[in-house]
Protein backbone atom coordinates (compact mmCIF):
# COMPACT_ATOMS: atom_id res chain seq x y z
CA MET A 1 16.23 28.54 -34.69
CA HIS A 2 19.07 27.86 -32.72
CA ALA A 3 20.87 30.85 -34.07
CA GLU A 4 17.79 32.82 -33.60
CA ALA A 5 17.48 31.90 -29.81
CA SER A 6 21.18 32.55 -29.09
CA GLY A 7 20.59 36.42 -30.90
CA ARG A 8 17.79 36.94 -28.60
CA ASP A 9 19.63 35.68 -25.51
CA ALA A 10 22.46 38.11 -26.39
CA ALA A 11 20.17 40.95 -26.89
CA ASP A 12 18.47 40.03 -23.61
CA ASP A 13 22.04 40.09 -21.90
CA ALA A 14 22.97 43.35 -23.39
CA SER A 15 19.48 44.89 -22.17
CA THR A 16 20.35 43.77 -18.90
CA ALA A 17 23.73 45.07 -18.49
CA ALA A 18 22.59 48.47 -20.09
CA ARG A 19 19.95 48.80 -17.51
CA ASP A 20 22.57 48.00 -14.76
CA SER A 21 24.97 50.64 -16.37
CA ILE A 22 22.08 53.12 -16.84
CA ASP A 23 21.28 52.91 -13.13
CA ARG A 24 25.02 53.54 -11.94
CA ALA A 25 25.13 56.52 -14.56
CA ALA A 26 21.96 58.05 -13.37
CA ALA A 27 23.15 57.70 -9.70
CA ALA A 28 26.89 59.17 -10.64
CA LEU A 29 25.55 62.18 -12.79
CA ALA A 30 23.00 62.94 -9.87
CA THR A 31 25.81 63.15 -7.23
CA GLY A 32 27.83 65.51 -9.55
CA GLY A 33 30.99 64.12 -8.63
CA GLU A 34 33.64 64.42 -11.54
CA GLU A 35 35.99 61.61 -10.08
CA LEU A 36 32.95 59.27 -9.59
CA LEU A 37 31.74 60.21 -13.20
CA ARG A 38 35.22 59.51 -14.84
CA HIS A 39 35.43 55.80 -12.66
CA VAL A 40 31.77 54.59 -13.01
CA LEU A 41 30.96 56.10 -16.63
CA THR A 42 34.09 56.46 -18.79
CA ASP A 43 35.61 52.95 -18.34
CA ALA A 44 32.21 51.72 -18.32
CA PRO A 45 32.02 48.71 -20.76
CA VAL A 46 28.54 49.65 -22.07
CA GLY A 47 28.20 52.78 -24.12
CA LEU A 48 26.70 55.44 -22.27
CA ALA A 49 25.57 59.04 -23.38
CA LEU A 50 23.98 61.98 -21.69
CA VAL A 51 21.29 64.02 -24.04
CA GLY A 52 19.74 67.33 -22.63
CA PRO A 53 16.32 67.93 -22.19
CA ASP A 54 16.44 69.57 -25.71
CA LEU A 55 17.43 66.36 -27.18
CA ARG A 56 21.06 67.52 -27.90
CA TRP A 57 24.16 65.32 -27.20
CA ARG A 58 26.01 66.64 -24.02
CA TRP A 59 28.52 63.68 -23.43
CA ALA A 60 29.32 60.12 -24.15
CA ASN A 61 31.70 57.78 -23.11
CA PRO A 62 34.21 55.79 -25.50
CA ALA A 63 32.38 52.69 -25.52
CA PHE A 64 29.34 54.55 -26.91
CA CYS A 65 31.51 56.14 -29.46
CA ARG A 66 32.81 52.85 -30.51
CA THR A 67 29.49 51.05 -30.77
CA ALA A 68 28.10 54.27 -32.94
CA ALA A 69 31.62 53.96 -35.03
CA VAL A 70 31.51 57.97 -34.60
CA GLY A 71 34.36 59.81 -33.15
CA PRO A 72 33.60 62.16 -29.78
CA GLU A 73 33.81 65.35 -32.06
CA ARG A 74 31.29 63.99 -34.85
CA LEU A 75 28.87 62.66 -32.08
CA LEU A 76 28.70 65.95 -30.00
CA GLY A 77 29.12 68.48 -32.73
CA GLY A 78 28.06 67.10 -36.04
CA ALA A 79 24.63 67.79 -37.70
CA ALA A 80 24.42 63.94 -38.86
CA ALA A 81 24.38 62.93 -35.15
CA GLU A 82 21.92 65.33 -34.22
CA ALA A 83 19.65 64.26 -37.25
CA ALA A 84 20.29 60.66 -36.11
CA LEU A 85 18.94 61.35 -32.61
CA ALA A 86 15.94 63.35 -33.95
CA ALA A 87 14.79 60.34 -35.76
CA ALA A 88 14.02 58.91 -31.96
CA ALA A 89 12.59 62.22 -30.83
CA PRO A 90 8.97 61.34 -30.27
CA ALA A 91 9.91 58.12 -28.05
CA LEU A 92 12.59 60.56 -26.19
CA ASP A 93 10.17 63.23 -25.91
CA ALA A 94 7.92 60.59 -23.97
CA VAL A 95 10.47 59.47 -21.82
CA LEU A 96 10.93 62.94 -20.79
CA VAL A 97 7.27 63.54 -20.05
CA ASP A 98 6.28 60.40 -18.20
CA GLY A 99 9.48 59.12 -16.92
CA SER A 100 8.82 55.64 -18.35
CA PRO A 101 12.30 54.28 -19.79
CA ARG A 102 12.19 52.96 -23.53
CA GLU A 103 14.27 51.33 -26.38
CA PRO A 104 14.08 53.60 -29.45
CA SER A 105 16.24 53.49 -32.63
CA ALA A 106 18.15 56.18 -33.65
CA GLY A 107 20.06 56.70 -37.32
CA HIS A 108 20.95 58.53 -40.11
CA PRO A 109 22.55 57.78 -43.28
CA ALA A 110 26.15 59.21 -41.98
CA VAL A 111 25.51 57.26 -38.66
CA PRO A 112 25.13 53.49 -38.01
CA ARG A 113 21.31 52.62 -36.52
CA LEU A 114 21.76 52.41 -33.01
CA ARG A 115 19.16 50.58 -30.44
CA LEU A 116 19.12 52.66 -27.43
CA ARG A 117 17.66 52.22 -24.13
CA ALA A 118 16.65 55.94 -22.45
CA ARG A 119 15.94 56.81 -18.94
CA ARG A 120 15.02 60.12 -17.52
CA LEU A 121 17.66 62.03 -15.26
CA VAL A 122 16.33 64.09 -12.36
CA ILE A 123 18.69 66.14 -10.32
CA GLY A 124 17.49 68.10 -7.56
CA GLY A 125 13.85 67.54 -8.44
CA ARG A 126 14.32 69.01 -12.13
CA THR A 127 14.47 66.85 -15.24
CA ALA A 128 18.11 67.53 -16.46
CA GLY A 129 17.91 65.11 -19.52
CA LEU A 130 18.37 61.62 -20.30
CA VAL A 131 20.80 59.14 -19.86
CA LEU A 132 21.27 56.66 -23.04
CA ALA A 133 22.71 53.27 -23.28
CA ALA A 134 23.78 51.83 -26.69
CA LEU A 135 22.25 48.24 -26.91
CA GLY A 136 23.97 47.89 -30.05
CA PRO A 137 23.10 47.97 -33.73
CA ALA A 138 19.57 48.47 -34.62
CA GLU A 139 17.93 45.89 -36.98
CA GLU A 140 17.68 47.30 -40.64
CA PRO A 141 14.37 48.76 -41.60
CA ARG A 142 12.40 46.40 -43.66
CA PRO A 143 11.32 47.13 -47.29
CA PRO A 144 7.88 49.35 -47.24
CA ALA A 145 5.14 47.05 -47.10
CA THR A 146 2.10 47.42 -49.18
CA GLY A 147 -0.13 47.61 -45.77
CA PRO A 148 0.18 49.56 -42.48
CA ASP A 149 3.42 49.34 -40.51
CA LEU A 150 1.45 47.74 -37.37
CA PRO A 151 4.03 47.73 -34.89
CA HIS A 152 5.23 51.23 -35.65
CA GLU A 153 1.59 52.15 -35.55
CA LEU A 154 0.94 50.66 -31.96
CA GLU A 155 4.39 52.22 -30.77
CA ARG A 156 3.09 55.76 -31.67
CA ALA A 157 -0.13 55.28 -30.15
CA ARG A 158 1.38 53.68 -26.99
CA ILE A 159 3.61 57.23 -26.62
CA ARG A 160 0.43 59.35 -27.25
CA VAL A 161 -1.39 57.32 -24.65
CA ALA A 162 1.51 57.48 -21.93
CA VAL A 163 1.79 61.46 -22.50
CA LEU A 164 -1.95 62.14 -22.52
CA ASP A 165 -2.42 59.90 -19.33
CA ALA A 166 0.61 61.96 -17.78
CA ALA A 167 -0.99 65.23 -18.91
CA ALA A 168 -4.43 64.02 -17.18
CA GLY A 169 -2.68 64.61 -13.76
CA ARG A 170 -0.89 67.98 -14.62
CA ILE A 171 -3.44 69.79 -16.71
CA GLY A 172 -6.97 71.30 -15.40
CA THR A 173 -6.23 70.71 -11.57
CA THR A 174 -8.36 73.65 -10.97
CA LEU A 175 -11.27 75.49 -12.24
CA ASP A 176 -9.47 78.59 -13.15
CA VAL A 177 -8.83 79.79 -16.62
CA ASP A 178 -5.39 81.19 -16.50
CA THR A 179 -3.82 78.22 -13.96
CA THR A 180 -5.05 75.80 -16.55
CA CYS A 181 -3.38 77.57 -19.53
CA VAL A 182 -0.15 78.11 -17.26
CA GLU A 183 -0.31 74.07 -16.67
CA LEU A 184 -0.78 73.31 -20.16
CA ALA A 185 2.31 75.27 -21.16
CA ASP A 186 4.44 73.96 -18.28
CA PHE A 187 3.55 70.59 -19.51
CA THR A 188 5.03 71.08 -23.13
CA VAL A 189 8.37 72.80 -22.17
CA PRO A 190 11.10 71.29 -22.42
CA ALA A 191 9.56 67.62 -23.17
CA LEU A 192 7.88 68.95 -26.54
CA ALA A 193 9.10 72.33 -27.33
CA ASP A 194 11.73 75.17 -25.95
CA LEU A 195 8.94 77.70 -26.00
CA ALA A 196 5.01 77.54 -25.40
CA THR A 197 2.47 80.27 -25.42
CA VAL A 198 -1.19 79.94 -24.61
CA GLU A 199 -3.40 82.68 -26.26
CA LEU A 200 -7.36 82.97 -26.01
CA LEU A 201 -9.99 84.44 -27.78
CA ALA A 202 -12.31 86.98 -26.06
CA PRO A 203 -15.66 85.21 -25.19
CA GLU A 204 -17.43 87.38 -27.74
CA ALA A 205 -15.03 86.21 -30.45
CA VAL A 206 -15.48 82.55 -29.35
CA GLU A 207 -19.04 82.84 -30.13
CA ARG A 208 -19.19 84.68 -33.50
CA GLY A 209 -15.96 82.97 -34.65
CA ALA A 210 -12.53 84.38 -35.58
CA PRO A 211 -12.83 87.65 -37.67
CA GLY A 212 -10.74 88.70 -40.44
CA GLY A 213 -7.92 90.99 -40.35
CA THR A 214 -5.55 91.22 -37.62
CA LEU A 215 -6.17 89.13 -34.48
CA ARG A 216 -5.92 90.24 -30.73
CA LEU A 217 -5.91 87.58 -28.37
CA HIS A 218 -5.21 87.70 -24.69
CA ARG A 219 -1.77 85.98 -23.56
CA ALA A 220 -2.61 83.62 -20.75
CA ALA A 221 0.69 81.62 -20.42
CA ALA A 222 4.07 81.85 -21.61
CA VAL A 223 6.81 79.14 -20.57
CA CYS A 224 10.37 78.89 -21.73
CA THR A 225 13.67 77.22 -21.11
CA ALA A 226 16.27 78.99 -18.94
CA ALA A 227 18.87 79.50 -21.99
CA LEU A 228 15.94 81.36 -23.93
CA LYS A 229 14.70 83.79 -21.34
CA PRO A 230 17.02 86.68 -22.00
CA HIS A 231 16.17 86.71 -25.76
CA LEU A 232 12.48 86.72 -25.42
CA ALA A 233 12.08 89.47 -23.07
CA PRO A 234 10.51 91.73 -25.57
CA LEU A 235 7.52 89.21 -26.19
CA ALA A 236 4.17 89.88 -24.58
CA ARG A 237 3.82 88.79 -21.05
CA PRO A 238 1.14 86.79 -19.65
CA GLY A 239 -2.10 89.17 -19.10
CA GLU A 240 -1.15 91.13 -21.91
CA SER A 241 -2.87 91.37 -25.45
CA VAL A 242 -1.09 89.96 -28.60
CA ARG A 243 -1.70 91.04 -32.21
CA HIS A 244 -1.24 88.69 -34.90
CA PRO A 245 -1.46 89.84 -38.53
CA GLU A 246 -3.91 88.19 -41.05
CA GLY A 247 -1.75 85.17 -42.96
CA SER A 248 0.32 84.70 -39.56
CA ALA A 249 0.40 81.04 -38.50
CA VAL A 250 -1.76 81.63 -35.64
CA ALA A 251 -4.42 83.63 -37.71
CA ARG A 252 -4.20 80.80 -40.21
CA CYS A 253 -4.66 78.15 -37.44
CA LEU A 254 -7.56 80.09 -35.94
CA ARG A 255 -9.55 80.57 -39.21
CA THR A 256 -9.20 76.86 -40.25
CA GLY A 257 -9.43 75.22 -36.86
CA ARG A 258 -6.33 73.26 -37.88
CA PRO A 259 -2.60 72.86 -36.86
CA VAL A 260 -0.21 74.97 -38.80
CA ALA A 261 3.50 74.31 -38.71
CA ALA A 262 5.90 76.78 -40.08
CA PRO A 263 9.84 77.88 -39.95
CA VAL A 264 10.26 81.30 -38.35
CA ARG A 265 12.57 82.41 -41.14
CA GLU A 266 9.17 82.49 -43.44
CA GLY A 267 8.15 85.59 -41.50
CA SER A 268 4.89 83.98 -40.49
CA TRP A 269 5.32 83.86 -37.21
CA PRO A 270 3.39 85.66 -34.65
CA GLY A 271 4.43 89.23 -33.00
CA SER A 272 4.09 90.55 -29.57
CA ALA A 273 1.85 93.34 -28.34
CA GLU A 274 4.82 95.38 -29.69
CA GLN A 275 5.50 93.43 -32.80
CA ALA A 276 8.76 92.32 -31.82
CA GLY A 277 8.14 88.68 -32.07
CA PRO A 278 9.73 87.62 -35.48
CA ALA A 279 13.06 89.28 -34.50
CA ALA A 280 13.15 87.85 -31.10
CA TYR A 281 12.49 84.27 -32.32
CA ARG A 282 15.30 84.64 -34.80
CA ALA A 283 17.50 86.14 -32.03
CA ALA A 284 16.53 83.26 -29.79
CA GLY A 285 17.63 80.84 -32.33
CA LEU A 286 14.03 79.48 -32.62
CA ASP A 287 13.13 77.86 -35.90
CA SER A 288 10.43 75.19 -35.91
CA VAL A 289 7.01 76.59 -35.10
CA LEU A 290 3.52 74.80 -34.50
CA ALA A 291 0.41 76.46 -33.89
CA VAL A 292 -2.48 74.20 -32.71
CA PRO A 293 -6.20 75.19 -32.18
CA LEU A 294 -7.91 74.97 -28.54
CA THR A 295 -11.15 73.34 -29.72
CA ALA A 296 -13.88 72.42 -27.38
CA ARG A 297 -17.41 71.54 -28.04
CA GLY A 298 -17.04 72.62 -31.54
CA ARG A 299 -15.64 75.82 -30.92
CA VAL A 300 -12.28 77.33 -31.01
CA LEU A 301 -11.16 78.99 -27.80
CA GLY A 302 -7.80 80.27 -28.71
CA VAL A 303 -4.33 78.54 -29.77
CA LEU A 304 -1.31 76.70 -28.07
CA SER A 305 1.95 78.06 -29.97
CA LEU A 306 4.91 75.59 -29.65
CA ALA A 307 8.48 76.56 -31.01
CA ARG A 308 11.60 74.89 -31.07
CA ALA A 309 15.33 76.27 -31.39
CA GLY A 310 17.61 74.23 -33.37
CA GLU A 311 18.11 72.74 -36.94
CA SER A 312 15.35 71.62 -39.18
CA ALA A 313 15.74 68.19 -38.01
CA ARG A 314 14.17 69.06 -35.00
CA ALA A 315 10.96 70.40 -37.08
CA PHE A 316 7.65 69.22 -36.15
CA THR A 317 6.86 65.81 -37.26
CA GLU A 318 3.22 64.59 -38.21
CA ASP A 319 3.57 62.36 -35.00
CA ASP A 320 4.38 65.45 -33.07
CA THR A 321 1.40 67.39 -34.83
CA LEU A 322 -0.97 64.44 -33.83
CA LEU A 323 0.37 64.51 -30.28
CA VAL A 324 -0.02 67.97 -29.61
CA GLY A 325 -3.26 68.07 -31.30
CA ASP A 326 -4.83 65.31 -28.70
CA LEU A 327 -3.06 67.44 -25.84
CA ALA A 328 -4.50 70.72 -27.08
CA GLY A 329 -7.89 68.98 -27.16
CA ARG A 330 -7.74 67.78 -23.55
CA ALA A 331 -6.51 70.94 -22.26
CA ALA A 332 -9.14 73.02 -24.32
CA VAL A 333 -12.05 71.22 -22.52
CA GLY A 334 -10.72 71.94 -19.47
CA ILE A 335 -10.38 75.82 -20.47
CA ASP A 336 -13.97 75.66 -21.55
CA ASN A 337 -15.02 74.00 -18.09
CA ALA A 338 -13.16 76.79 -16.20
CA ARG A 339 -14.70 79.49 -18.20
CA ARG A 340 -18.23 78.20 -17.94
CA TYR A 341 -17.60 77.57 -13.93
CA THR A 342 -16.34 81.17 -13.91
CA ARG A 343 -19.23 82.64 -15.53
CA SER A 344 -21.76 80.67 -13.28
CA GLN A 345 -20.05 81.90 -10.41
CA GLY A 346 -20.13 85.40 -11.68
CA ILE A 347 -23.90 84.99 -12.04
CA ALA A 348 -24.33 83.31 -8.58
CA LEU A 349 -22.14 86.39 -6.96
CA GLN A 350 -24.34 88.90 -8.80
CA LEU A 351 -27.34 87.38 -7.59
CA GLN A 352 -26.18 86.95 -3.79
CA GLN A 353 -24.97 90.31 -3.64
CA ALA A 354 -28.37 91.52 -5.02
CA LEU A 355 -30.06 89.89 -2.50
CA LEU A 356 -27.99 90.86 0.34
CA ALA A 357 -28.17 94.38 -0.87
CA GLU A 358 -31.75 94.74 -0.24
CA PRO A 359 -32.35 96.89 3.00
CA GLY A 360 -33.53 95.06 5.99
CA ASN A 361 -36.33 96.49 8.14
CA PRO A 362 -34.82 97.07 11.80
CA HIS A 363 -36.35 98.96 14.59
CA PRO A 364 -34.77 102.55 14.82
CA ASN A 365 -33.63 101.38 18.26
CA LEU A 366 -30.98 99.11 16.75
CA GLU A 367 -27.76 100.11 14.84
CA LEU A 368 -26.63 97.84 12.13
CA ALA A 369 -23.60 97.21 9.95
CA SER A 370 -23.00 94.18 7.51
CA ARG A 371 -20.06 92.72 5.25
CA TYR A 372 -20.15 90.22 2.61
CA LEU A 373 -16.86 88.93 1.07
CA PRO A 374 -16.52 86.39 -1.40
CA SER A 375 -13.44 83.95 -1.54
CA GLY A 376 -10.65 85.23 -3.72
CA THR A 377 -11.66 83.14 -6.66
CA SER A 378 -15.29 83.54 -6.25
CA SER A 379 -15.27 79.46 -6.60
CA VAL A 380 -17.25 79.02 -3.43
CA VAL A 381 -19.80 81.86 -3.83
CA GLY A 382 -23.55 81.21 -2.91
CA GLY A 383 -24.56 80.16 0.23
CA ASP A 384 -23.93 82.90 2.97
CA TRP A 385 -27.01 85.17 3.81
CA TYR A 386 -28.28 87.41 6.55
CA GLU A 387 -31.50 89.20 7.29
CA THR A 388 -33.33 91.37 9.80
CA VAL A 389 -36.97 91.31 10.37
CA ARG A 390 -38.77 94.03 12.58
CA LEU A 391 -41.47 92.59 15.00
CA PRO A 392 -43.84 94.18 17.41
CA PHE A 393 -42.77 95.82 20.61
CA GLY A 394 -39.87 97.13 19.33
CA ARG A 395 -38.20 93.90 18.70
CA THR A 396 -35.88 92.85 15.62
CA LEU A 397 -35.17 89.35 14.67
CA LEU A 398 -31.52 89.07 13.39
CA VAL A 399 -30.72 85.88 11.01
CA MET A 400 -27.51 84.67 9.81
CA GLY A 401 -27.69 81.49 7.64
CA ASP A 402 -25.29 79.30 5.48
CA VAL A 403 -26.67 76.99 2.69
CA MET A 404 -24.41 73.98 2.27
CA GLY A 405 -22.93 73.95 -1.38
CA HIS A 406 -21.92 76.68 -3.43
CA GLY A 407 -22.96 78.24 -6.94
CA VAL A 408 -25.98 79.31 -8.69
CA GLU A 409 -28.19 76.63 -6.95
CA ALA A 410 -27.02 77.60 -3.38
CA ALA A 411 -27.94 80.98 -3.87
CA VAL A 412 -31.30 80.18 -5.36
CA ASP A 413 -31.95 77.92 -2.34
CA MET A 414 -30.43 80.79 -0.07
CA SER A 415 -33.14 83.23 -1.61
CA THR A 416 -36.03 80.64 -0.99
CA TYR A 417 -35.24 79.97 2.58
CA ARG A 418 -34.84 84.05 3.15
CA SER A 419 -38.38 84.28 2.01
CA MET A 420 -39.80 81.47 3.97
CA LEU A 421 -38.24 82.91 7.38
CA ARG A 422 -39.68 86.34 6.49
CA ASP A 423 -43.36 84.43 6.29
CA VAL A 424 -42.60 82.37 9.44
CA ALA A 425 -41.24 85.25 11.50
CA GLY A 426 -44.30 87.48 10.87
CA MET A 427 -46.10 85.05 12.86
CA ASP A 428 -44.48 86.37 16.07
CA LEU A 429 -43.15 82.94 17.21
CA PRO A 430 -40.09 82.26 19.50
CA PRO A 431 -36.94 81.84 17.91
CA HIS A 432 -36.68 78.16 18.54
CA ARG A 433 -40.24 77.65 16.95
CA ILE A 434 -39.40 79.77 13.95
CA LEU A 435 -36.57 77.33 13.03
CA ARG A 436 -38.83 74.17 13.79
CA GLN A 437 -41.39 75.75 11.14
CA LEU A 438 -38.50 76.43 8.54
CA ASP A 439 -37.18 73.01 9.03
CA ALA A 440 -40.35 71.08 8.33
CA LEU A 441 -41.02 73.56 5.15
CA ILE A 442 -37.37 73.13 3.88
CA SER A 443 -37.32 69.20 4.33
CA GLU A 444 -40.76 68.76 2.55
CA ASN A 445 -38.65 69.18 -0.58
CA GLU A 446 -35.94 66.51 -1.04
CA SER A 447 -34.03 68.58 -3.49
CA SER A 448 -33.33 71.41 -1.06
CA ARG A 449 -29.97 71.94 0.36
CA PRO A 450 -29.39 71.90 4.07
CA ALA A 451 -28.67 75.05 5.80
CA THR A 452 -27.12 76.07 9.24
CA CYS A 453 -28.83 79.06 10.93
CA LEU A 454 -28.81 81.29 13.84
CA LEU A 455 -31.39 83.64 15.24
CA ALA A 456 -31.18 86.54 17.81
CA LEU A 457 -33.76 88.13 18.89
CA ALA A 458 -33.09 91.78 20.00
CA ASP A 459 -35.60 92.86 22.91
CA PRO A 460 -34.21 96.48 24.00
CA GLY A 461 -37.39 97.15 25.92
CA ARG A 462 -36.79 94.29 28.38
CA ASN A 463 -32.82 94.31 27.79
CA ARG A 464 -32.68 90.67 26.33
CA TRP A 465 -31.35 88.56 23.67
CA THR A 466 -32.61 85.37 22.80
CA PHE A 467 -30.68 83.04 20.60
CA SER A 468 -31.61 79.60 18.85
CA SER A 469 -29.39 77.85 16.50
CA ALA A 470 -29.67 75.19 13.60
CA GLY A 471 -26.07 73.94 13.38
CA HIS A 472 -24.51 77.12 13.21
CA LEU A 473 -21.36 78.78 14.81
CA PRO A 474 -22.06 80.69 18.30
CA PRO A 475 -22.78 84.48 18.30
CA ALA A 476 -20.22 86.60 20.16
CA LEU A 477 -20.90 89.43 22.54
CA VAL A 478 -18.39 92.63 22.57
CA LEU A 479 -18.04 94.96 25.21
CA ALA A 480 -15.29 97.67 25.40
CA ASP A 481 -12.37 96.65 27.65
CA ARG A 482 -13.54 93.03 27.84
CA PRO A 483 -12.74 89.98 26.18
CA THR A 484 -14.97 88.84 23.17
CA GLU A 485 -17.35 86.43 24.62
CA LEU A 486 -18.76 83.41 22.61
CA VAL A 487 -22.26 82.55 23.66
CA VAL A 488 -23.16 79.03 24.44
CA VAL A 489 -26.22 78.22 22.56
CA PRO A 490 -27.94 74.81 22.43
CA THR A 491 -27.35 73.61 18.79
CA GLY A 492 -30.04 71.58 16.91
CA PRO A 493 -29.55 70.21 13.41
CA PRO A 494 -29.19 71.79 10.35
CA LEU A 495 -32.40 73.07 8.68
CA GLY A 496 -33.78 70.62 6.06
CA THR A 497 -33.12 67.59 8.09
CA GLY A 498 -36.60 67.19 9.47
CA LEU A 499 -35.29 66.47 12.66
CA GLY A 500 -36.02 69.58 14.81
CA GLY A 501 -35.26 69.49 18.32
CA TYR A 502 -34.40 73.16 18.43
CA GLU A 503 -34.06 75.21 21.74
CA GLN A 504 -33.50 78.63 22.85
CA GLN A 505 -31.12 80.73 25.21
CA ALA A 506 -31.71 84.16 26.79
CA ARG A 507 -28.99 86.29 27.81
CA GLU A 508 -28.81 89.95 29.41
CA LEU A 509 -28.77 92.76 26.83
CA LEU A 510 -26.21 95.33 27.96
CA PRO A 511 -25.74 98.90 27.19
CA ASP A 512 -23.09 99.47 24.44
CA GLN A 513 -23.13 95.92 24.01
CA VAL A 514 -22.38 94.48 20.29
CA LEU A 515 -23.78 91.27 19.04
CA LEU A 516 -21.38 89.93 16.28
CA LEU A 517 -23.08 87.16 13.90
CA TYR A 518 -20.78 85.45 11.48
CA THR A 519 -20.56 82.59 8.63
CA ASP A 520 -17.87 79.88 8.85
CA GLY A 521 -15.74 81.32 6.36
CA LEU A 522 -14.44 83.94 9.00
CA VAL A 523 -12.79 81.59 11.50
CA GLU A 524 -12.44 78.21 10.16
CA ARG A 525 -9.07 77.16 8.55
CA ARG A 526 -8.39 73.99 6.62
CA GLY A 527 -6.72 71.29 8.73
CA GLU A 528 -7.24 73.23 12.16
CA ASP A 529 -9.54 72.12 14.67
CA ILE A 530 -12.60 74.30 15.22
CA ASP A 531 -12.15 75.01 18.82
CA ALA A 532 -8.80 76.63 18.01
CA SER A 533 -10.59 78.77 15.34
CA LEU A 534 -13.22 79.97 17.75
CA ALA A 535 -10.64 80.82 20.50
CA ARG A 536 -8.80 83.03 17.92
CA LEU A 537 -11.84 85.01 17.51
CA ALA A 538 -12.65 85.13 21.38
CA ALA A 539 -8.98 86.45 21.84
CA LEU A 540 -9.67 89.73 20.02
CA ARG A 541 -10.21 93.30 21.80
CA LEU A 542 -12.38 94.90 19.45
CA PRO A 543 -13.35 98.45 19.56
CA ALA A 544 -16.94 97.88 20.64
CA ALA A 545 -17.59 101.72 21.40
CA GLY A 546 -16.93 103.17 18.01
CA ASP A 547 -18.39 102.89 14.85
CA LEU A 548 -19.77 99.60 13.82
CA ASP A 549 -17.96 99.49 10.51
CA ASP A 550 -14.65 100.19 12.50
CA LEU A 551 -15.51 97.00 14.50
CA LEU A 552 -16.13 95.00 11.49
CA ASP A 553 -12.97 96.38 9.66
CA SER A 554 -10.76 95.07 12.73
CA VAL A 555 -12.43 91.68 12.83
CA LEU A 556 -11.95 91.19 8.79
CA HIS A 557 -8.57 92.51 9.26
CA ALA A 558 -7.60 90.08 11.93
CA LEU A 559 -9.13 86.90 10.86
CA THR A 560 -9.64 86.91 7.09
CA PRO A 561 -6.63 85.28 5.30
CA GLU A 562 -5.30 86.71 2.10
CA ALA A 563 -6.50 83.65 -0.01
CA ALA A 564 -9.88 83.27 1.48
CA GLU A 565 -10.94 79.33 1.32
CA ASP A 566 -14.66 80.30 1.62
CA ASP A 567 -16.91 83.28 1.53
CA VAL A 568 -17.58 85.44 4.61
CA ALA A 569 -20.82 87.22 6.09
CA VAL A 570 -20.78 89.15 9.21
CA LEU A 571 -23.64 91.13 10.75
CA ALA A 572 -23.16 93.67 13.89
CA ALA A 573 -25.86 95.13 15.87
CA ARG A 574 -26.04 97.34 19.27
CA VAL A 575 -28.88 99.15 20.84
CA ARG A 576 -29.29 102.79 19.67
CA ARG A 577 -28.58 105.11 22.58
CA ARG A 578 -31.77 107.51 23.07
């Protein structure tokens, strides 16, 4: 017992010394100073080595070579030494992925087994590889037991959980299909492979299953290490289609719904759109390949393909296949969610555009122009709307509204509120009483979404505008050679709250004056105070005397960002000259 305790104490001392040395080694490597590297590392009593992100030996100090009983020339250039490191590849890959230090064992019949401590090395914000400390000889493997090797199984499970936990924070950060695919490919390179591609079946092919013969897929992502880029230029780029002949690894993977591993030399690896794939892979030194299906909710959406350069010792193992399979399964759910969301947003956009395309019915004494712009990703479509209602005595009611929330549900609510407004406006009530009636009707349904709304009653016969607002941004009045004026309108609560309390404000209607109504997507910016956003609109000098479409072009050009964060609706109105 005393001898065993002494052995454990010695091992603990070695581990502590290794941790201290590995911290100094990482700091020295990060500074890039050769003199510091020589003093701190070369003469260190603890064996230290540097391994690249491709898990190849890069450098080792004399103490490491003595512990491994291998000369520097055999360690840094020998196949046996590379094979010894490959034995610890799953644990080392996990360190590269999540950054948590680990103590794997590495060995080969020609190289003594070592117990190592591995830490990820980050230089300039990029993963440069691993720093390894030699803790001493590893315990000799025990004879095979009749039952499962529980410690080994637990370590494998722990590595998989750590990798998947790291992936959860980096894959599926948006509801955009291509972005999710790029995040998946980025996550696997260089930690798990030297090249990763993600290719998707067309939606109709997903529904009917993979057809026979040559497959054509959409390449959504392709990521490789810097060293491979010059050799892989002939391959199809993201956005292009890729053909996979029957019998290829990808075709077999999609047909069976199971992972397929194959060496490139078999000629079974996929080609590109120009069918230059196998030659490019061989020129880049890629040898081991793995195709894993992207399966979600019982349907195969596409395939994740990984490739590694180097000797057969870096071939994909059973542990690799299980880990990548779990990773692909989680990513596939994110891709499927993004596809479903994109499809629902497309329906919402079509519904909203169809509703807004319905012609209003203003009096001939009023000129109108309107625009609707969805956000750049169509991810926030559904709530903005406008309307015109013809009233007696030459009056026209102009409406601008914004239903809170987005998607199909918001577009449906928008259509409902629009119909309600037409019915209430037909009662020829003043604007503030129209809002009161709408608020009462909408609040009767507890599932209804609140909405902001601005009414502007144009009365050219009496030269008067009358405004009333339910939580909406103020209207703008534009005259030639004058600054844009934002009208101060008493603001009541949004529709659907049941609180009421709406007022109205009358303003003089001037000849050639343009009224501009808009939703918040035109002016609001994330992280900016709304007063600053409105001041930007008020500072515009707009072409009030020209065509109203030209005025809207000027407004949208000046205020709409390239990557719109919200959809935008605008409506311009002016009394028509007789």
